[in-house]
């Protein structure tokens, strides 16, 4: 087992938290529903059957969820 695996998982969690805190994410128009690829069932998480397209932009300072 990799000795840095717990550190790597914590870094990924921290990155995701910062992305959700500082960026506003929106699905592109026409992509309201994402279906799953069930051919990988039983092998872990189910991936979407196509790319999920989205827009992102910095949140305004007044829209920060910390306030």
PDB file of N, CA and C in Angstrom:
ATOM      1  N   UNK A   1       0.832  -1.190   0.000  1.00  0.00           N
ATOM      2  CA  UNK A   1       0.000   0.000   0.000  1.00  0.00           C
ATOM      3  C   UNK A   1       0.879   1.257   0.000  1.00  0.00           C
ATOM      4  N   UNK A   2       0.389   2.245  -0.697  1.00  0.00           N
ATOM      5  CA  UNK A   2       1.117   3.507  -0.802  1.00  0.00           C
ATOM      6  C   UNK A   2       1.060   4.249   0.538  1.00  0.00           C
ATOM      7  N   UNK A   3       2.192   4.690   1.065  1.00  0.00           N
ATOM      8  CA  UNK A   3       2.163   5.402   2.349  1.00  0.00           C
ATOM      9  C   UNK A   3       1.520   6.788   2.259  1.00  0.00           C
ATOM     10  N   UNK A   4       1.395   7.345   1.050  1.00  0.00           N
ATOM     11  CA  UNK A   4       0.808   8.676   0.906  1.00  0.00           C
ATOM     12  C   UNK A   4      -0.649   8.665   0.482  1.00  0.00           C
ATOM     13  N   UNK A   5      -1.306   7.508   0.528  1.00  0.00           N
ATOM     14  CA  UNK A   5      -2.675   7.414   0.016  1.00  0.00           C
ATOM     15  C   UNK A   5      -3.651   8.268   0.816  1.00  0.00           C
ATOM     16  N   UNK A   6      -3.495   8.346   2.125  1.00  0.00           N
ATOM     17  CA  UNK A   6      -4.415   9.153   2.933  1.00  0.00           C
ATOM     18  C   UNK A   6      -4.180  10.640   2.678  1.00  0.00           C
ATOM     19  N   UNK A   7      -2.914  11.004   2.502  1.00  0.00           N
ATOM     20  CA  UNK A   7      -2.596  12.393   2.167  1.00  0.00           C
ATOM     21  C   UNK A   7      -3.211  12.766   0.820  1.00  0.00           C
ATOM     22  N   UNK A   8      -3.106  11.876  -0.158  1.00  0.00           N
ATOM     23  CA  UNK A   8      -3.651  12.146  -1.491  1.00  0.00           C
ATOM     24  C   UNK A   8      -5.166  12.311  -1.439  1.00  0.00           C
ATOM     25  N   UNK A   9      -5.849  11.459  -0.693  1.00  0.00           N
ATOM     26  CA  UNK A   9      -7.304  11.560  -0.576  1.00  0.00           C
ATOM     27  C   UNK A   9      -7.685  12.882   0.092  1.00  0.00           C
ATOM     28  N   UNK A  10      -6.943  13.285   1.123  1.00  0.00           N
ATOM     29  CA  UNK A  10      -7.244  14.555   1.791  1.00  0.00           C
ATOM     30  C   UNK A  10      -6.980  15.744   0.878  1.00  0.00           C
ATOM     31  N   UNK A  11      -5.961  15.680   0.038  1.00  0.00           N
ATOM     32  CA  UNK A  11      -5.691  16.753  -0.921  1.00  0.00           C
ATOM     33  C   UNK A  11      -6.817  16.875  -1.943  1.00  0.00           C
ATOM     34  N   UNK A  12      -7.338  15.754  -2.406  1.00  0.00           N
ATOM     35  CA  UNK A  12      -8.447  15.767  -3.360  1.00  0.00           C
ATOM     36  C   UNK A  12      -9.686  16.381  -2.714  1.00  0.00           C
ATOM     37  N   UNK A  13      -9.963  16.015  -1.472  1.00  0.00           N
ATOM     38  CA  UNK A  13     -11.112  16.582  -0.759  1.00  0.00           C
ATOM     39  C   UNK A  13     -10.952  18.087  -0.577  1.00  0.00           C
ATOM     40  N   UNK A  14      -9.755  18.527  -0.243  1.00  0.00           N
ATOM     41  CA  UNK A  14      -9.509  19.951  -0.065  1.00  0.00           C
ATOM     42  C   UNK A  14      -9.681  20.702  -1.383  1.00  0.00           C
ATOM     43  N   UNK A  15      -9.170  20.151  -2.472  1.00  0.00           N
ATOM     44  CA  UNK A  15      -9.320  20.782  -3.785  1.00  0.00           C
ATOM     45  C   UNK A  15     -10.787  20.901  -4.166  1.00  0.00           C
ATOM     46  N   UNK A  16     -11.551  19.828  -3.987  1.00  0.00           N
ATOM     47  CA  UNK A  16     -12.968  19.857  -4.323  1.00  0.00           C
ATOM     48  C   UNK A  16     -13.715  20.876  -3.467  1.00  0.00           C
ATOM     49  N   UNK A  17     -13.382  20.961  -2.183  1.00  0.00           N
ATOM     50  CA  UNK A  17     -14.020  21.944  -1.304  1.00  0.00           C
ATOM     51  C   UNK A  17     -13.743  23.370  -1.776  1.00  0.00           C
ATOM     52  N   UNK A  18     -12.510  23.643  -2.172  1.00  0.00           N
ATOM     53  CA  UNK A  18     -12.167  24.988  -2.637  1.00  0.00           C
ATOM     54  C   UNK A  18     -12.849  25.311  -3.959  1.00  0.00           C
ATOM     55  N   UNK A  19     -12.946  24.334  -4.854  1.00  0.00           N
ATOM     56  CA  UNK A  19     -13.639  24.560  -6.126  1.00  0.00           C
ATOM     57  C   UNK A  19     -15.101  24.913  -5.869  1.00  0.00           C
ATOM     58  N   UNK A  20     -15.751  24.172  -4.984  1.00  0.00           N
ATOM     59  CA  UNK A  20     -17.157  24.439  -4.697  1.00  0.00           C
ATOM     60  C   UNK A  20     -17.346  25.747  -3.936  1.00  0.00           C
ATOM     61  N   UNK A  21     -16.357  26.153  -3.170  1.00  0.00           N
ATOM     62  CA  UNK A  21     -16.459  27.391  -2.405  1.00  0.00           C
ATOM     63  C   UNK A  21     -16.258  28.621  -3.289  1.00  0.00           C
ATOM     64  N   UNK A  22     -15.289  28.573  -4.210  1.00  0.00           N
ATOM     65  CA  UNK A  22     -14.911  29.752  -4.972  1.00  0.00           C
ATOM     66  C   UNK A  22     -15.508  29.841  -6.370  1.00  0.00           C
ATOM     67  N   UNK A  23     -16.047  28.750  -6.898  1.00  0.00           N
ATOM     68  CA  UNK A  23     -16.576  28.777  -8.252  1.00  0.00           C
ATOM     69  C   UNK A  23     -18.064  28.486  -8.260  1.00  0.00           C
ATOM     70  N   UNK A  24     -18.733  29.068  -9.216  1.00  0.00           N
ATOM     71  CA  UNK A  24     -20.151  28.804  -9.450  1.00  0.00           C
ATOM     72  C   UNK A  24     -20.247  27.904 -10.671  1.00  0.00           C
ATOM     73  N   UNK A  25     -20.848  26.735 -10.522  1.00  0.00           N
ATOM     74  CA  UNK A  25     -20.923  25.743 -11.591  1.00  0.00           C
ATOM     75  C   UNK A  25     -22.343  25.660 -12.129  1.00  0.00           C
ATOM     76  N   UNK A  26     -22.478  25.631 -13.459  1.00  0.00           N
ATOM     77  CA  UNK A  26     -23.780  25.495 -14.113  1.00  0.00           C
ATOM     78  C   UNK A  26     -23.656  24.498 -15.254  1.00  0.00           C
ATOM     79  N   UNK A  27     -24.643  23.624 -15.399  1.00  0.00           N
ATOM     80  CA  UNK A  27     -24.672  22.740 -16.556  1.00  0.00           C
ATOM     81  C   UNK A  27     -24.947  23.557 -17.803  1.00  0.00           C
ATOM     82  N   UNK A  28     -24.386  23.133 -18.926  1.00  0.00           N
ATOM     83  CA  UNK A  28     -24.652  23.826 -20.176  1.00  0.00           C
ATOM     84  C   UNK A  28     -26.107  23.615 -20.563  1.00  0.00           C
ATOM     85  N   UNK A  29     -26.694  24.572 -21.287  1.00  0.00           N
ATOM     86  CA  UNK A  29     -28.088  24.422 -21.712  1.00  0.00           C
ATOM     87  C   UNK A  29     -28.285  23.145 -22.522  1.00  0.00           C
ATOM     88  N   UNK A  30     -29.396  22.486 -22.284  1.00  0.00           N
ATOM     89  CA  UNK A  30     -29.718  21.262 -22.996  1.00  0.00           C
ATOM     90  C   UNK A  30     -29.153  20.019 -22.346  1.00  0.00           C
ATOM     91  N   UNK A  31     -28.447  20.168 -21.251  1.00  0.00           N
ATOM     92  CA  UNK A  31     -27.873  19.016 -20.564  1.00  0.00           C
ATOM     93  C   UNK A  31     -28.447  18.960 -19.152  1.00  0.00           C
ATOM     94  N   UNK A  32     -29.726  18.705 -19.068  1.00  0.00           N
ATOM     95  CA  UNK A  32     -30.398  18.690 -17.774  1.00  0.00           C
ATOM     96  C   UNK A  32     -30.321  17.339 -17.091  1.00  0.00           C
ATOM     97  N   UNK A  33     -30.148  16.285 -17.866  1.00  0.00           N
ATOM     98  CA  UNK A  33     -30.167  14.946 -17.292  1.00  0.00           C
ATOM     99  C   UNK A  33     -28.962  14.156 -17.792  1.00  0.00           C
ATOM    100  N   UNK A  34     -28.326  13.462 -16.874  1.00  0.00           N
ATOM    101  CA  UNK A  34     -27.168  12.639 -17.211  1.00  0.00           C
ATOM    102  C   UNK A  34     -27.523  11.199 -16.889  1.00  0.00           C
ATOM    103  N   UNK A  35     -27.345  10.307 -17.863  1.00  0.00           N
ATOM    104  CA  UNK A  35     -27.626   8.896 -17.603  1.00  0.00           C
ATOM    105  C   UNK A  35     -26.315   8.169 -17.297  1.00  0.00           C
ATOM    106  N   UNK A  36     -26.424   7.056 -16.583  1.00  0.00           N
ATOM    107  CA  UNK A  36     -25.261   6.307 -16.136  1.00  0.00           C
ATOM    108  C   UNK A  36     -24.957   5.145 -17.066  1.00  0.00           C
ATOM    109  N   UNK A  37     -23.695   4.768 -17.117  1.00  0.00           N
ATOM    110  CA  UNK A  37     -23.242   3.621 -17.895  1.00  0.00           C
ATOM    111  C   UNK A  37     -23.266   2.399 -16.978  1.00  0.00           C
ATOM    112  N   UNK A  38     -24.268   1.536 -17.130  1.00  0.00           N
ATOM    113  CA  UNK A  38     -24.439   0.391 -16.241  1.00  0.00           C
ATOM    114  C   UNK A  38     -23.576  -0.804 -16.631  1.00  0.00           C
ATOM    115  N   UNK A  39     -22.752  -0.679 -17.671  1.00  0.00           N
ATOM    116  CA  UNK A  39     -21.891  -1.792 -18.056  1.00  0.00           C
ATOM    117  C   UNK A  39     -20.770  -2.016 -17.035  1.00  0.00           C
ATOM    118  N   UNK A  40     -20.517  -1.044 -16.181  1.00  0.00           N
ATOM    119  CA  UNK A  40     -19.479  -1.177 -15.161  1.00  0.00           C
ATOM    120  C   UNK A  40     -20.062  -1.460 -13.777  1.00  0.00           C
ATOM    121  N   UNK A  41     -21.304  -1.851 -13.692  1.00  0.00           N
ATOM    122  CA  UNK A  41     -21.941  -2.114 -12.407  1.00  0.00           C
ATOM    123  C   UNK A  41     -21.154  -3.178 -11.651  1.00  0.00           C
ATOM    124  N   UNK A  42     -20.937  -2.938 -10.379  1.00  0.00           N
ATOM    125  CA  UNK A  42     -20.194  -3.865  -9.541  1.00  0.00           C
ATOM    126  C   UNK A  42     -18.706  -3.602  -9.490  1.00  0.00           C
ATOM    127  N   UNK A  43     -18.209  -2.648 -10.266  1.00  0.00           N
ATOM    128  CA  UNK A  43     -16.771  -2.358 -10.302  1.00  0.00           C
ATOM    129  C   UNK A  43     -16.421  -1.065  -9.578  1.00  0.00           C
ATOM    130  N   UNK A  44     -17.325  -0.523  -8.818  1.00  0.00           N
ATOM    131  CA  UNK A  44     -17.081   0.746  -8.133  1.00  0.00           C
ATOM    132  C   UNK A  44     -18.189   1.723  -8.471  1.00  0.00           C
ATOM    133  N   UNK A  45     -17.825   2.984  -8.663  1.00  0.00           N
ATOM    134  CA  UNK A  45     -18.839   3.985  -8.968  1.00  0.00           C
ATOM    135  C   UNK A  45     -19.279   3.856 -10.418  1.00  0.00           C
ATOM    136  N   UNK A  46     -20.501   4.255 -10.689  1.00  0.00           N
ATOM    137  CA  UNK A  46     -21.011   4.248 -12.060  1.00  0.00           C
ATOM    138  C   UNK A  46     -20.671   5.584 -12.715  1.00  0.00           C
ATOM    139  N   UNK A  47     -20.035   5.517 -13.859  1.00  0.00           N
ATOM    140  CA  UNK A  47     -19.665   6.711 -14.603  1.00  0.00           C
ATOM    141  C   UNK A  47     -20.800   7.133 -15.519  1.00  0.00           C
ATOM    142  N   UNK A  48     -20.870   8.421 -15.876  1.00  0.00           N
ATOM    143  CA  UNK A  48     -21.874   8.848 -16.854  1.00  0.00           C
ATOM    144  C   UNK A  48     -21.560   8.257 -18.224  1.00  0.00           C
ATOM    145  N   UNK A  49     -22.594   8.084 -19.045  1.00  0.00           N
ATOM    146  CA  UNK A  49     -22.361   7.492 -20.369  1.00  0.00           C
ATOM    147  C   UNK A  49     -21.833   8.505 -21.383  1.00  0.00           C
ATOM    148  N   UNK A  50     -21.802   9.784 -21.032  1.00  0.00           N
ATOM    149  CA  UNK A  50     -21.252  10.827 -21.897  1.00  0.00           C
ATOM    150  C   UNK A  50     -20.610  11.896 -21.018  1.00  0.00           C
ATOM    151  N   UNK A  51     -19.832  12.767 -21.636  1.00  0.00           N
ATOM    152  CA  UNK A  51     -19.208  13.853 -20.886  1.00  0.00           C
ATOM    153  C   UNK A  51     -20.268  14.785 -20.313  1.00  0.00           C
ATOM    154  N   UNK A  52     -20.005  15.292 -19.114  1.00  0.00           N
ATOM    155  CA  UNK A  52     -20.884  16.274 -18.482  1.00  0.00           C
ATOM    156  C   UNK A  52     -20.278  17.644 -18.748  1.00  0.00           C
ATOM    157  N   UNK A  53     -20.955  18.437 -19.557  1.00  0.00           N
ATOM    158  CA  UNK A  53     -20.440  19.758 -19.920  1.00  0.00           C
ATOM    159  C   UNK A  53     -21.033  20.798 -18.980  1.00  0.00           C
ATOM    160  N   UNK A  54     -20.154  21.692 -18.489  1.00  0.00           N
ATOM    161  CA  UNK A  54     -20.602  22.719 -17.561  1.00  0.00           C
ATOM    162  C   UNK A  54     -19.774  23.978 -17.748  1.00  0.00           C
ATOM    163  N   UNK A  55     -20.318  25.086 -17.248  1.00  0.00           N
ATOM    164  CA  UNK A  55     -19.636  26.377 -17.228  1.00  0.00           C
ATOM    165  C   UNK A  55     -19.248  26.661 -15.785  1.00  0.00           C
ATOM    166  N   UNK A  56     -18.164  27.380 -15.597  1.00  0.00           N
ATOM    167  CA  UNK A  56     -17.792  27.800 -14.257  1.00  0.00           C
ATOM    168  C   UNK A  56     -17.325  29.238 -14.289  1.00  0.00           C
ATOM    169  N   UNK A  57     -17.517  29.925 -13.189  1.00  0.00           N
ATOM    170  CA  UNK A  57     -17.045  31.300 -13.056  1.00  0.00           C
ATOM    171  C   UNK A  57     -16.828  31.584 -11.572  1.00  0.00           C
ATOM    172  N   UNK A  58     -15.991  32.567 -11.314  1.00  0.00           N
ATOM    173  CA  UNK A  58     -15.713  32.933  -9.932  1.00  0.00           C
ATOM    174  C   UNK A  58     -16.975  33.485  -9.278  1.00  0.00           C
ATOM    175  N   UNK A  59     -17.175  33.122  -8.044  1.00  0.00           N
ATOM    176  CA  UNK A  59     -18.295  33.694  -7.300  1.00  0.00           C
ATOM    177  C   UNK A  59     -17.973  35.137  -6.944  1.00  0.00           C
ATOM    178  N   UNK A  60     -18.988  35.949  -6.882  1.00  0.00           N
ATOM    179  CA  UNK A  60     -18.809  37.331  -6.406  1.00  0.00           C
ATOM    180  C   UNK A  60     -18.546  37.269  -4.911  1.00  0.00           C
ATOM    181  N   UNK A  61     -17.841  38.247  -4.395  1.00  0.00           N
ATOM    182  CA  UNK A  61     -17.480  38.252  -2.969  1.00  0.00           C
ATOM    183  C   UNK A  61     -18.721  38.225  -2.075  1.00  0.00           C
ATOM    184  N   UNK A  62     -19.815  38.844  -2.502  1.00  0.00           N
ATOM    185  CA  UNK A  62     -21.015  38.895  -1.680  1.00  0.00           C
ATOM    186  C   UNK A  62     -21.799  37.593  -1.728  1.00  0.00           C
ATOM    187  N   UNK A  63     -21.491  36.694  -2.678  1.00  0.00           N
ATOM    188  CA  UNK A  63     -22.203  35.431  -2.798  1.00  0.00           C
ATOM    189  C   UNK A  63     -21.506  34.279  -2.087  1.00  0.00           C
ATOM    190  N   UNK A  64     -20.448  34.572  -1.345  1.00  0.00           N
ATOM    191  CA  UNK A  64     -19.692  33.512  -0.688  1.00  0.00           C
ATOM    192  C   UNK A  64     -20.564  32.772   0.319  1.00  0.00           C
ATOM    193  N   UNK A  65     -20.591  31.439   0.297  1.00  0.00           N
ATOM    194  CA  UNK A  65     -21.444  30.677   1.213  1.00  0.00           C
ATOM    195  C   UNK A  65     -21.004  30.796   2.659  1.00  0.00           C
ATOM    196  N   UNK A  66     -19.806  31.311   2.931  1.00  0.00           N
ATOM    197  CA  UNK A  66     -19.330  31.426   4.300  1.00  0.00           C
ATOM    198  C   UNK A  66     -20.036  32.541   5.055  1.00  0.00           C
ATOM    199  N   UNK A  67     -20.690  33.458   4.360  1.00  0.00           N
ATOM    200  CA  UNK A  67     -21.360  34.591   5.019  1.00  0.00           C
ATOM    201  C   UNK A  67     -22.731  34.223   5.489  1.00  0.00           C
TER     202      UNK A  67
END
